[in-house]
């Protein structure tokens, strides 16, 4: 939401056998959330997207998350994700000179 992540960077990190789903805002900048309603809409979009992914790919997949979001969004994403209702998560973090590094998974 604060920055776009090119699809080729995702493919480089996880391989070619990937389905890329994206949540983004326009414009992509810091300070995009100005009201509580903005955060409520974001929460609804995340919940809906996680449900759509589960319906399309099943519970057996592992979601590789490449966040480029404000801390507030990362916290809300974690609050929306339910381990018994959504596929497992793997969070990737950008490391200078190395690229994306996967962090411990959440089941």
C-alpha atoms as a PDB file:
ATOM      1  CA  UNK A   1       0.000   0.000   0.000  1.00  0.00           C
ATOM      2  CA  UNK A   2       2.914   2.333   0.504  1.00  0.00           C
ATOM      3  CA  UNK A   3       4.886   0.777  -2.320  1.00  0.00           C
ATOM      4  CA  UNK A   4       4.270  -1.636  -5.170  1.00  0.00           C
ATOM      5  CA  UNK A   5       6.089  -4.965  -5.276  1.00  0.00           C
ATOM      6  CA  UNK A   6       6.707  -6.134  -8.842  1.00  0.00           C
ATOM      7  CA  UNK A   7       5.439  -9.629  -9.670  1.00  0.00           C
ATOM      8  CA  UNK A   8       8.906 -10.725 -10.838  1.00  0.00           C
ATOM      9  CA  UNK A   9      10.280 -10.074  -7.335  1.00  0.00           C
ATOM     10  CA  UNK A  10       7.616 -12.375  -5.898  1.00  0.00           C
ATOM     11  CA  UNK A  11       8.384 -15.061  -8.489  1.00  0.00           C
ATOM     12  CA  UNK A  12      12.105 -14.756  -7.688  1.00  0.00           C
ATOM     13  CA  UNK A  13      11.321 -15.390  -4.016  1.00  0.00           C
ATOM     14  CA  UNK A  14       8.794 -18.246  -4.278  1.00  0.00           C
ATOM     15  CA  UNK A  15       9.147 -19.706  -7.775  1.00  0.00           C
ATOM     16  CA  UNK A  16       7.040 -19.792 -10.928  1.00  0.00           C
ATOM     17  CA  UNK A  17       4.196 -21.927  -9.565  1.00  0.00           C
ATOM     18  CA  UNK A  18       2.438 -19.027  -7.889  1.00  0.00           C
ATOM     19  CA  UNK A  19      -0.884 -17.220  -7.926  1.00  0.00           C
ATOM     20  CA  UNK A  20      -0.373 -13.563  -7.060  1.00  0.00           C
ATOM     21  CA  UNK A  21      -3.099 -11.695  -5.188  1.00  0.00           C
ATOM     22  CA  UNK A  22      -2.672  -8.041  -4.322  1.00  0.00           C
ATOM     23  CA  UNK A  23      -4.323  -5.534  -2.030  1.00  0.00           C
ATOM     24  CA  UNK A  24      -3.325  -1.997  -2.905  1.00  0.00           C
ATOM     25  CA  UNK A  25      -4.444   1.587  -2.586  1.00  0.00           C
ATOM     26  CA  UNK A  26      -4.381   4.570  -4.845  1.00  0.00           C
ATOM     27  CA  UNK A  27      -2.402   6.617  -4.219  1.00  0.00           C
ATOM     28  CA  UNK A  28       0.321   4.469  -2.702  1.00  0.00           C
ATOM     29  CA  UNK A  29       1.744   6.682   0.011  1.00  0.00           C
ATOM     30  CA  UNK A  30       2.181   7.019   3.740  1.00  0.00           C
ATOM     31  CA  UNK A  31      -0.725   8.594   5.603  1.00  0.00           C
ATOM     32  CA  UNK A  32      -3.378   6.986   3.385  1.00  0.00           C
ATOM     33  CA  UNK A  33      -5.515   6.166   6.443  1.00  0.00           C
ATOM     34  CA  UNK A  34      -7.076   9.345   7.695  1.00  0.00           C
ATOM     35  CA  UNK A  35     -10.269   8.101   9.396  1.00  0.00           C
ATOM     36  CA  UNK A  36     -11.414   5.055  11.367  1.00  0.00           C
ATOM     37  CA  UNK A  37     -13.691   4.184   8.440  1.00  0.00           C
ATOM     38  CA  UNK A  38     -10.609   3.780   6.217  1.00  0.00           C
ATOM     39  CA  UNK A  39      -9.240   1.130   8.549  1.00  0.00           C
ATOM     40  CA  UNK A  40     -12.627  -0.611   8.722  1.00  0.00           C
ATOM     41  CA  UNK A  41     -12.735  -0.799   4.915  1.00  0.00           C
ATOM     42  CA  UNK A  42      -9.179  -2.181   4.836  1.00  0.00           C
ATOM     43  CA  UNK A  43     -10.104  -4.828   7.402  1.00  0.00           C
ATOM     44  CA  UNK A  44     -13.133  -5.875   5.307  1.00  0.00           C
ATOM     45  CA  UNK A  45     -11.001  -6.072   2.152  1.00  0.00           C
ATOM     46  CA  UNK A  46      -8.372  -8.240   3.874  1.00  0.00           C
ATOM     47  CA  UNK A  47     -11.038 -10.571   5.301  1.00  0.00           C
ATOM     48  CA  UNK A  48     -12.746 -10.864   1.918  1.00  0.00           C
ATOM     49  CA  UNK A  49      -9.441 -11.474   0.103  1.00  0.00           C
ATOM     50  CA  UNK A  50      -8.364 -14.193   2.538  1.00  0.00           C
ATOM     51  CA  UNK A  51     -11.749 -15.891   2.078  1.00  0.00           C
ATOM     52  CA  UNK A  52     -11.482 -15.651  -1.723  1.00  0.00           C
ATOM     53  CA  UNK A  53      -7.994 -17.167  -1.663  1.00  0.00           C
ATOM     54  CA  UNK A  54      -9.208 -19.998   0.570  1.00  0.00           C
ATOM     55  CA  UNK A  55     -12.153 -20.650  -1.754  1.00  0.00           C
ATOM     56  CA  UNK A  56      -9.931 -20.622  -4.849  1.00  0.00           C
ATOM     57  CA  UNK A  57      -6.977 -22.625  -3.496  1.00  0.00           C
ATOM     58  CA  UNK A  58      -8.172 -24.454  -0.375  1.00  0.00           C
ATOM     59  CA  UNK A  59      -6.813 -24.546   3.159  1.00  0.00           C
ATOM     60  CA  UNK A  60      -3.757 -26.631   2.213  1.00  0.00           C
ATOM     61  CA  UNK A  61      -1.840 -23.766   0.626  1.00  0.00           C
ATOM     62  CA  UNK A  62       0.662 -21.538   2.388  1.00  0.00           C
ATOM     63  CA  UNK A  63       0.230 -17.821   1.776  1.00  0.00           C
ATOM     64  CA  UNK A  64       3.489 -15.984   1.158  1.00  0.00           C
ATOM     65  CA  UNK A  65       2.921 -12.403   2.271  1.00  0.00           C
ATOM     66  CA  UNK A  66       5.084  -9.577   0.902  1.00  0.00           C
ATOM     67  CA  UNK A  67       4.012  -6.546   2.930  1.00  0.00           C
ATOM     68  CA  UNK A  68       4.780  -2.997   1.876  1.00  0.00           C
ATOM     69  CA  UNK A  69       2.334  -1.402   4.255  1.00  0.00           C
ATOM     70  CA  UNK A  70       2.141   0.985   7.182  1.00  0.00           C
ATOM     71  CA  UNK A  71       2.496  -0.689  10.585  1.00  0.00           C
ATOM     72  CA  UNK A  72      -1.199  -0.073  11.240  1.00  0.00           C
ATOM     73  CA  UNK A  73      -2.099  -2.217   8.219  1.00  0.00           C
ATOM     74  CA  UNK A  74       0.265  -5.009   9.234  1.00  0.00           C
ATOM     75  CA  UNK A  75      -1.337  -5.127  12.675  1.00  0.00           C
ATOM     76  CA  UNK A  76      -4.853  -5.187  11.233  1.00  0.00           C
ATOM     77  CA  UNK A  77      -3.892  -7.894   8.744  1.00  0.00           C
ATOM     78  CA  UNK A  78      -2.691 -10.027  11.645  1.00  0.00           C
ATOM     79  CA  UNK A  79      -5.884  -9.368  13.570  1.00  0.00           C
ATOM     80  CA  UNK A  80      -8.079 -10.395  10.625  1.00  0.00           C
ATOM     81  CA  UNK A  81      -6.173 -13.594   9.786  1.00  0.00           C
ATOM     82  CA  UNK A  82      -7.601 -16.586  11.665  1.00  0.00           C
ATOM     83  CA  UNK A  83      -5.415 -19.724  11.813  1.00  0.00           C
ATOM     84  CA  UNK A  84      -8.400 -22.101  11.863  1.00  0.00           C
ATOM     85  CA  UNK A  85     -10.290 -20.283   9.112  1.00  0.00           C
ATOM     86  CA  UNK A  86      -7.537 -19.206   6.700  1.00  0.00           C
ATOM     87  CA  UNK A  87      -4.491 -20.870   5.096  1.00  0.00           C
ATOM     88  CA  UNK A  88      -1.139 -20.692   6.903  1.00  0.00           C
ATOM     89  CA  UNK A  89       1.003 -17.574   6.462  1.00  0.00           C
ATOM     90  CA  UNK A  90       4.657 -17.033   5.651  1.00  0.00           C
ATOM     91  CA  UNK A  91       5.822 -13.425   5.918  1.00  0.00           C
ATOM     92  CA  UNK A  92       8.699 -12.226   3.722  1.00  0.00           C
ATOM     93  CA  UNK A  93      10.822  -9.232   4.581  1.00  0.00           C
ATOM     94  CA  UNK A  94      13.008  -7.199   2.235  1.00  0.00           C
ATOM     95  CA  UNK A  95      16.705  -7.305   3.150  1.00  0.00           C
ATOM     96  CA  UNK A  96      19.092  -4.863   1.457  1.00  0.00           C
ATOM     97  CA  UNK A  97      21.368  -6.570  -1.034  1.00  0.00           C
ATOM     98  CA  UNK A  98      19.714  -9.966  -0.521  1.00  0.00           C
ATOM     99  CA  UNK A  99      16.071  -9.602  -1.503  1.00  0.00           C
ATOM    100  CA  UNK A 100      13.123 -11.150   0.309  1.00  0.00           C
ATOM    101  CA  UNK A 101      13.784 -13.398   3.295  1.00  0.00           C
ATOM    102  CA  UNK A 102      11.006 -15.578   4.698  1.00  0.00           C
ATOM    103  CA  UNK A 103      10.227 -15.261   8.382  1.00  0.00           C
ATOM    104  CA  UNK A 104       8.900 -18.081  10.565  1.00  0.00           C
ATOM    105  CA  UNK A 105       5.513 -19.369   9.425  1.00  0.00           C
ATOM    106  CA  UNK A 106       2.218 -18.943  11.212  1.00  0.00           C
ATOM    107  CA  UNK A 107      -0.218 -21.866  11.166  1.00  0.00           C
END
